[in-house]
Amino acid sequence: MPWSAALPQAVFTNPLVSVVTPITTGCLVGYQTNRQGRTKQVYSSLKKPPLYPPPWLFAPAWTLLYGLMGFAIHHATVSGTIATYDNSTILQDWAAHSQFLYVSQLALNHLWMPLFFGLRRPALALADIVLLGGNVALLMHTWWKHDRVAFWMMTPYAAWLGFATYLNAGVGVLNNWTIGGPKKEE
């Protein structure tokens, strides 16, 4: 089974696997971060900037966004695949580059929650989300040139990241860059 930069190619070529993978990994990160049940406690104790959404909105929003980004990488992979005369396939350079950017943005995305809620480091989480935004901008730039459908499927995620960056910075400033006091030892 051929691999991309980090994942088996089948993750990108199968539409169901492409959609389910980021949803599942995102849920696992959330579960691991909140396994002690303290995320809700920490969340409710924060001073929040204007327009902070209610807590129940995050799970459905992220499920939708992860699903859209998963289908976007699937679409870009299929669009960037060339079938040859001997029935083999070749992935165009831009599509292979897209897969690398996609996997790296997913890693940065999954790092945010442990930084913010697990380690309670809003400044590190802010640095992460800024890097994540730059990564997504590069990915969307590639897709703008080569696969507009994938580009448009990624725009809700990019918009949410902009809003999340504002929320992260707002929470950091309003709480003096300290969240929930010192972390308890396990």
C-alpha atoms as a PDB file:
ATOM      1  CA  MET A   1       0.000   0.000   0.000  1.00  0.00           C
ATOM      2  CA  PRO A   2       1.590   3.310  -1.060  1.00  0.00           C
ATOM      3  CA  TRP A   3       2.008   6.009   1.551  1.00  0.00           C
ATOM      4  CA  SER A   4       1.819   9.779   1.465  1.00  0.00           C
ATOM      5  CA  ALA A   5       4.210  11.774   3.630  1.00  0.00           C
ATOM      6  CA  ALA A   6       2.590  10.406   6.798  1.00  0.00           C
ATOM      7  CA  LEU A   7      -0.469   8.250   6.156  1.00  0.00           C
ATOM      8  CA  PRO A   8      -1.384   5.325   3.913  1.00  0.00           C
ATOM      9  CA  GLN A   9      -2.698   6.517   0.559  1.00  0.00           C
ATOM     10  CA  ALA A  10      -5.945   4.632   1.237  1.00  0.00           C
ATOM     11  CA  VAL A  11      -6.803   7.234   3.910  1.00  0.00           C
ATOM     12  CA  PHE A  12      -7.025   9.835   1.146  1.00  0.00           C
ATOM     13  CA  THR A  13      -8.495   7.766  -1.688  1.00  0.00           C
ATOM     14  CA  ASN A  14     -11.439   6.320   0.237  1.00  0.00           C
ATOM     15  CA  PRO A  15     -14.081   9.022   0.832  1.00  0.00           C
ATOM     16  CA  LEU A  16     -15.500   7.418   3.975  1.00  0.00           C
ATOM     17  CA  VAL A  17     -12.077   6.893   5.561  1.00  0.00           C
ATOM     18  CA  SER A  18     -11.074  10.454   4.603  1.00  0.00           C
ATOM     19  CA  VAL A  19     -14.088  11.860   6.436  1.00  0.00           C
ATOM     20  CA  VAL A  20     -14.070   9.533   9.441  1.00  0.00           C
ATOM     21  CA  THR A  21     -10.313   9.781  10.166  1.00  0.00           C
ATOM     22  CA  PRO A  22     -10.176  13.446  11.292  1.00  0.00           C
ATOM     23  CA  ILE A  23     -13.482  13.110  13.170  1.00  0.00           C
ATOM     24  CA  THR A  24     -12.223  10.037  15.024  1.00  0.00           C
ATOM     25  CA  THR A  25      -8.762  11.400  15.795  1.00  0.00           C
ATOM     26  CA  GLY A  26     -10.246  14.721  16.920  1.00  0.00           C
ATOM     27  CA  CYS A  27     -12.642  12.894  19.255  1.00  0.00           C
ATOM     28  CA  LEU A  28      -9.784  10.822  20.660  1.00  0.00           C
ATOM     29  CA  VAL A  29      -7.726  13.944  21.386  1.00  0.00           C
ATOM     30  CA  GLY A  30     -10.737  15.531  23.075  1.00  0.00           C
ATOM     31  CA  TYR A  31     -11.364  12.395  25.111  1.00  0.00           C
ATOM     32  CA  GLN A  32      -7.715  12.120  26.168  1.00  0.00           C
ATOM     33  CA  THR A  33      -7.578  15.787  27.134  1.00  0.00           C
ATOM     34  CA  ASN A  34     -10.816  15.581  29.096  1.00  0.00           C
ATOM     35  CA  ARG A  35     -10.462  12.094  30.570  1.00  0.00           C
ATOM     36  CA  GLN A  36     -10.333  13.602  34.068  1.00  0.00           C
ATOM     37  CA  GLY A  37     -13.518  15.584  33.335  1.00  0.00           C
ATOM     38  CA  ARG A  38     -11.830  18.896  34.112  1.00  0.00           C
ATOM     39  CA  THR A  39     -12.188  20.606  30.722  1.00  0.00           C
ATOM     40  CA  LYS A  40     -15.748  21.723  31.506  1.00  0.00           C
ATOM     41  CA  GLN A  41     -14.643  22.989  34.928  1.00  0.00           C
ATOM     42  CA  VAL A  42     -11.758  24.926  33.415  1.00  0.00           C
ATOM     43  CA  TYR A  43     -13.954  26.230  30.573  1.00  0.00           C
ATOM     44  CA  SER A  44     -16.657  27.512  32.913  1.00  0.00           C
ATOM     45  CA  SER A  45     -14.114  29.342  35.098  1.00  0.00           C
ATOM     46  CA  LEU A  46     -12.634  31.384  32.233  1.00  0.00           C
ATOM     47  CA  LYS A  47     -13.294  35.034  31.543  1.00  0.00           C
ATOM     48  CA  LYS A  48     -14.410  35.026  27.923  1.00  0.00           C
ATOM     49  CA  PRO A  49     -14.311  37.664  25.184  1.00  0.00           C
ATOM     50  CA  PRO A  50     -17.495  38.896  23.478  1.00  0.00           C
ATOM     51  CA  LEU A  51     -19.143  36.469  21.029  1.00  0.00           C
ATOM     52  CA  TYR A  52     -17.848  33.382  22.876  1.00  0.00           C
ATOM     53  CA  PRO A  53     -20.146  30.551  21.761  1.00  0.00           C
ATOM     54  CA  PRO A  54     -21.954  28.233  24.167  1.00  0.00           C
ATOM     55  CA  PRO A  55     -20.038  25.053  25.048  1.00  0.00           C
ATOM     56  CA  TRP A  56     -22.521  22.724  23.325  1.00  0.00           C
ATOM     57  CA  LEU A  57     -21.689  24.285  19.939  1.00  0.00           C
ATOM     58  CA  PHE A  58     -18.082  23.067  19.794  1.00  0.00           C
ATOM     59  CA  ALA A  59     -18.723  19.329  19.293  1.00  0.00           C
ATOM     60  CA  PRO A  60     -21.134  19.633  16.339  1.00  0.00           C
ATOM     61  CA  ALA A  61     -19.081  22.451  14.786  1.00  0.00           C
ATOM     62  CA  TRP A  62     -15.864  20.419  14.918  1.00  0.00           C
ATOM     63  CA  THR A  63     -17.583  17.275  13.661  1.00  0.00           C
ATOM     64  CA  LEU A  64     -18.815  19.190  10.617  1.00  0.00           C
ATOM     65  CA  LEU A  65     -15.477  20.934  10.060  1.00  0.00           C
ATOM     66  CA  TYR A  66     -13.457  17.714  10.388  1.00  0.00           C
ATOM     67  CA  GLY A  67     -15.814  15.980   7.964  1.00  0.00           C
ATOM     68  CA  LEU A  68     -15.523  18.784   5.415  1.00  0.00           C
ATOM     69  CA  MET A  69     -11.730  18.905   5.641  1.00  0.00           C
ATOM     70  CA  GLY A  70     -11.579  15.123   5.303  1.00  0.00           C
ATOM     71  CA  PHE A  71     -13.675  15.163   2.162  1.00  0.00           C
ATOM     72  CA  ALA A  72     -11.640  18.089   0.816  1.00  0.00           C
ATOM     73  CA  ILE A  73      -8.380  16.104   1.002  1.00  0.00           C
ATOM     74  CA  HIS A  74     -10.129  13.146  -0.609  1.00  0.00           C
ATOM     75  CA  HIS A  75     -11.340  15.352  -3.456  1.00  0.00           C
ATOM     76  CA  ALA A  76      -7.891  16.892  -3.946  1.00  0.00           C
ATOM     77  CA  THR A  77      -6.280  13.442  -3.967  1.00  0.00           C
ATOM     78  CA  VAL A  78      -8.724  12.123  -6.560  1.00  0.00           C
ATOM     79  CA  SER A  79      -8.348  15.313  -8.626  1.00  0.00           C
ATOM     80  CA  GLY A  80      -4.581  15.053  -8.458  1.00  0.00           C
ATOM     81  CA  THR A  81      -4.387  11.398  -9.450  1.00  0.00           C
ATOM     82  CA  ILE A  82      -3.474  10.446 -13.005  1.00  0.00           C
ATOM     83  CA  ALA A  83      -4.247   6.973 -14.343  1.00  0.00           C
ATOM     84  CA  THR A  84      -1.572   5.563 -16.638  1.00  0.00           C
ATOM     85  CA  TYR A  85      -1.896   3.225 -19.585  1.00  0.00           C
ATOM     86  CA  ASP A  86      -0.850   0.211 -17.477  1.00  0.00           C
ATOM     87  CA  ASN A  87      -3.642   0.868 -14.936  1.00  0.00           C
ATOM     88  CA  SER A  88      -1.305   2.278 -12.278  1.00  0.00           C
ATOM     89  CA  THR A  89      -1.808   5.690 -10.742  1.00  0.00           C
ATOM     90  CA  ILE A  90       0.498   8.632 -10.230  1.00  0.00           C
ATOM     91  CA  LEU A  91      -0.147  11.432  -7.771  1.00  0.00           C
ATOM     92  CA  GLN A  92       0.678  14.876  -9.135  1.00  0.00           C
ATOM     93  CA  ASP A  93       3.197  16.918  -7.133  1.00  0.00           C
ATOM     94  CA  TRP A  94       0.623  19.461  -5.979  1.00  0.00           C
ATOM     95  CA  ALA A  95      -1.636  16.693  -4.636  1.00  0.00           C
ATOM     96  CA  ALA A  96       1.245  15.023  -2.767  1.00  0.00           C
ATOM     97  CA  HIS A  97       2.172  18.441  -1.328  1.00  0.00           C
ATOM     98  CA  SER A  98      -1.491  18.884  -0.316  1.00  0.00           C
ATOM     99  CA  GLN A  99      -1.417  15.625   1.598  1.00  0.00           C
ATOM    100  CA  PHE A 100       1.672  16.732   3.511  1.00  0.00           C
ATOM    101  CA  LEU A 101       0.103  20.115   4.353  1.00  0.00           C
ATOM    102  CA  TYR A 102      -3.155  18.414   5.334  1.00  0.00           C
ATOM    103  CA  VAL A 103      -1.480  15.959   7.706  1.00  0.00           C
ATOM    104  CA  SER A 104       0.667  18.689   9.273  1.00  0.00           C
ATOM    105  CA  GLN A 105      -2.345  20.978   9.793  1.00  0.00           C
ATOM    106  CA  LEU A 106      -4.261  18.096  11.363  1.00  0.00           C
ATOM    107  CA  ALA A 107      -1.353  17.487  13.761  1.00  0.00           C
ATOM    108  CA  LEU A 108      -1.265  21.187  14.702  1.00  0.00           C
ATOM    109  CA  ASN A 109      -5.040  21.157  15.098  1.00  0.00           C
ATOM    110  CA  HIS A 110      -4.913  18.162  17.420  1.00  0.00           C
ATOM    111  CA  LEU A 111      -2.130  19.755  19.468  1.00  0.00           C
ATOM    112  CA  TRP A 112      -4.214  22.816  20.340  1.00  0.00           C
ATOM    113  CA  MET A 113      -6.619  21.246  22.869  1.00  0.00           C
ATOM    114  CA  PRO A 114      -3.884  19.595  24.994  1.00  0.00           C
ATOM    115  CA  LEU A 115      -1.940  22.877  25.005  1.00  0.00           C
ATOM    116  CA  PHE A 116      -4.948  24.991  25.941  1.00  0.00           C
ATOM    117  CA  PHE A 117      -6.893  22.710  28.310  1.00  0.00           C
ATOM    118  CA  GLY A 118      -4.384  19.994  29.242  1.00  0.00           C
ATOM    119  CA  LEU A 119      -1.304  22.102  29.937  1.00  0.00           C
ATOM    120  CA  ARG A 120      -3.350  25.289  30.412  1.00  0.00           C
ATOM    121  CA  ARG A 121      -0.960  27.300  28.288  1.00  0.00           C
ATOM    122  CA  PRO A 122      -3.036  29.742  26.219  1.00  0.00           C
ATOM    123  CA  ALA A 123       0.090  31.471  24.873  1.00  0.00           C
ATOM    124  CA  LEU A 124       1.467  28.185  23.504  1.00  0.00           C
ATOM    125  CA  ALA A 125      -1.986  27.317  22.167  1.00  0.00           C
ATOM    126  CA  LEU A 126      -2.095  30.726  20.456  1.00  0.00           C
ATOM    127  CA  ALA A 127       1.299  30.116  18.833  1.00  0.00           C
ATOM    128  CA  ASP A 128       0.023  26.722  17.684  1.00  0.00           C
ATOM    129  CA  ILE A 129      -3.172  28.122  16.188  1.00  0.00           C
ATOM    130  CA  VAL A 130      -1.255  30.880  14.364  1.00  0.00           C
ATOM    131  CA  LEU A 131       1.019  28.223  12.819  1.00  0.00           C
ATOM    132  CA  LEU A 132      -2.078  26.187  12.030  1.00  0.00           C
ATOM    133  CA  GLY A 133      -3.659  29.169  10.268  1.00  0.00           C
ATOM    134  CA  GLY A 134      -0.544  29.672   8.150  1.00  0.00           C
ATOM    135  CA  ASN A 135      -0.468  25.992   7.270  1.00  0.00           C
ATOM    136  CA  VAL A 136      -4.138  26.045   6.248  1.00  0.00           C
ATOM    137  CA  ALA A 137      -3.532  29.207   4.185  1.00  0.00           C
ATOM    138  CA  LEU A 138      -0.749  27.409   2.266  1.00  0.00           C
ATOM    139  CA  LEU A 139      -2.993  24.401   1.730  1.00  0.00           C
ATOM    140  CA  MET A 140      -5.856  26.558   0.503  1.00  0.00           C
ATOM    141  CA  HIS A 141      -3.502  28.483  -1.793  1.00  0.00           C
ATOM    142  CA  THR A 142      -2.481  25.193  -3.397  1.00  0.00           C
ATOM    143  CA  TRP A 143      -6.090  24.132  -3.765  1.00  0.00           C
ATOM    144  CA  TRP A 144      -7.124  27.511  -5.183  1.00  0.00           C
ATOM    145  CA  LYS A 145      -4.718  26.885  -8.061  1.00  0.00           C
ATOM    146  CA  HIS A 146      -5.540  23.198  -8.588  1.00  0.00           C
ATOM    147  CA  ASP A 147      -8.843  22.134  -6.982  1.00  0.00           C
ATOM    148  CA  ARG A 148     -11.423  24.824  -6.281  1.00  0.00           C
ATOM    149  CA  VAL A 149     -13.926  22.345  -4.842  1.00  0.00           C
ATOM    150  CA  ALA A 150     -11.429  21.325  -2.124  1.00  0.00           C
ATOM    151  CA  PHE A 151     -10.637  25.012  -1.552  1.00  0.00           C
ATOM    152  CA  TRP A 152     -14.289  25.908  -0.957  1.00  0.00           C
ATOM    153  CA  MET A 153     -14.830  22.907   1.321  1.00  0.00           C
ATOM    154  CA  MET A 154     -11.970  24.196   3.479  1.00  0.00           C
ATOM    155  CA  THR A 155     -13.260  27.782   3.809  1.00  0.00           C
ATOM    156  CA  PRO A 156     -15.601  27.131   6.791  1.00  0.00           C
ATOM    157  CA  TYR A 157     -12.643  25.616   8.651  1.00  0.00           C
ATOM    158  CA  ALA A 158     -10.417  28.590   7.813  1.00  0.00           C
ATOM    159  CA  ALA A 159     -13.140  30.979   9.008  1.00  0.00           C
ATOM    160  CA  TRP A 160     -13.596  29.028  12.242  1.00  0.00           C
ATOM    161  CA  LEU A 161      -9.819  29.054  12.811  1.00  0.00           C
ATOM    162  CA  GLY A 162      -9.820  32.839  12.500  1.00  0.00           C
ATOM    163  CA  PHE A 163     -12.610  33.038  15.061  1.00  0.00           C
ATOM    164  CA  ALA A 164     -10.872  30.478  17.313  1.00  0.00           C
ATOM    165  CA  THR A 165      -7.676  32.539  17.167  1.00  0.00           C
ATOM    166  CA  TYR A 166      -9.624  35.568  18.378  1.00  0.00           C
ATOM    167  CA  LEU A 167     -11.173  33.483  21.191  1.00  0.00           C
ATOM    168  CA  ASN A 168      -7.803  32.028  22.220  1.00  0.00           C
ATOM    169  CA  ALA A 169      -6.180  35.467  22.324  1.00  0.00           C
ATOM    170  CA  GLY A 170      -9.181  36.970  24.116  1.00  0.00           C
ATOM    171  CA  VAL A 171      -9.213  34.284  26.790  1.00  0.00           C
ATOM    172  CA  GLY A 172      -5.457  34.657  27.210  1.00  0.00           C
ATOM    173  CA  VAL A 173      -5.614  38.411  27.679  1.00  0.00           C
ATOM    174  CA  LEU A 174      -8.699  38.400  29.924  1.00  0.00           C
ATOM    175  CA  ASN A 175      -7.222  35.689  32.164  1.00  0.00           C
ATOM    176  CA  ASN A 176      -3.677  37.099  32.286  1.00  0.00           C
ATOM    177  CA  TRP A 177      -2.473  34.130  30.208  1.00  0.00           C
ATOM    178  CA  THR A 178      -3.304  31.773  33.087  1.00  0.00           C
ATOM    179  CA  ILE A 179      -6.028  29.159  32.882  1.00  0.00           C
ATOM    180  CA  GLY A 180      -7.596  27.452  35.885  1.00  0.00           C
ATOM    181  CA  GLY A 181      -4.698  27.832  38.283  1.00  0.00           C
ATOM    182  CA  PRO A 182      -1.864  25.344  38.572  1.00  0.00           C
ATOM    183  CA  LYS A 183      -2.339  21.945  36.964  1.00  0.00           C
ATOM    184  CA  LYS A 184      -3.015  19.153  39.450  1.00  0.00           C
ATOM    185  CA  GLU A 185      -0.472  16.357  39.589  1.00  0.00           C
ATOM    186  CA  GLU A 186      -1.896  12.978  38.621  1.00  0.00           C
END
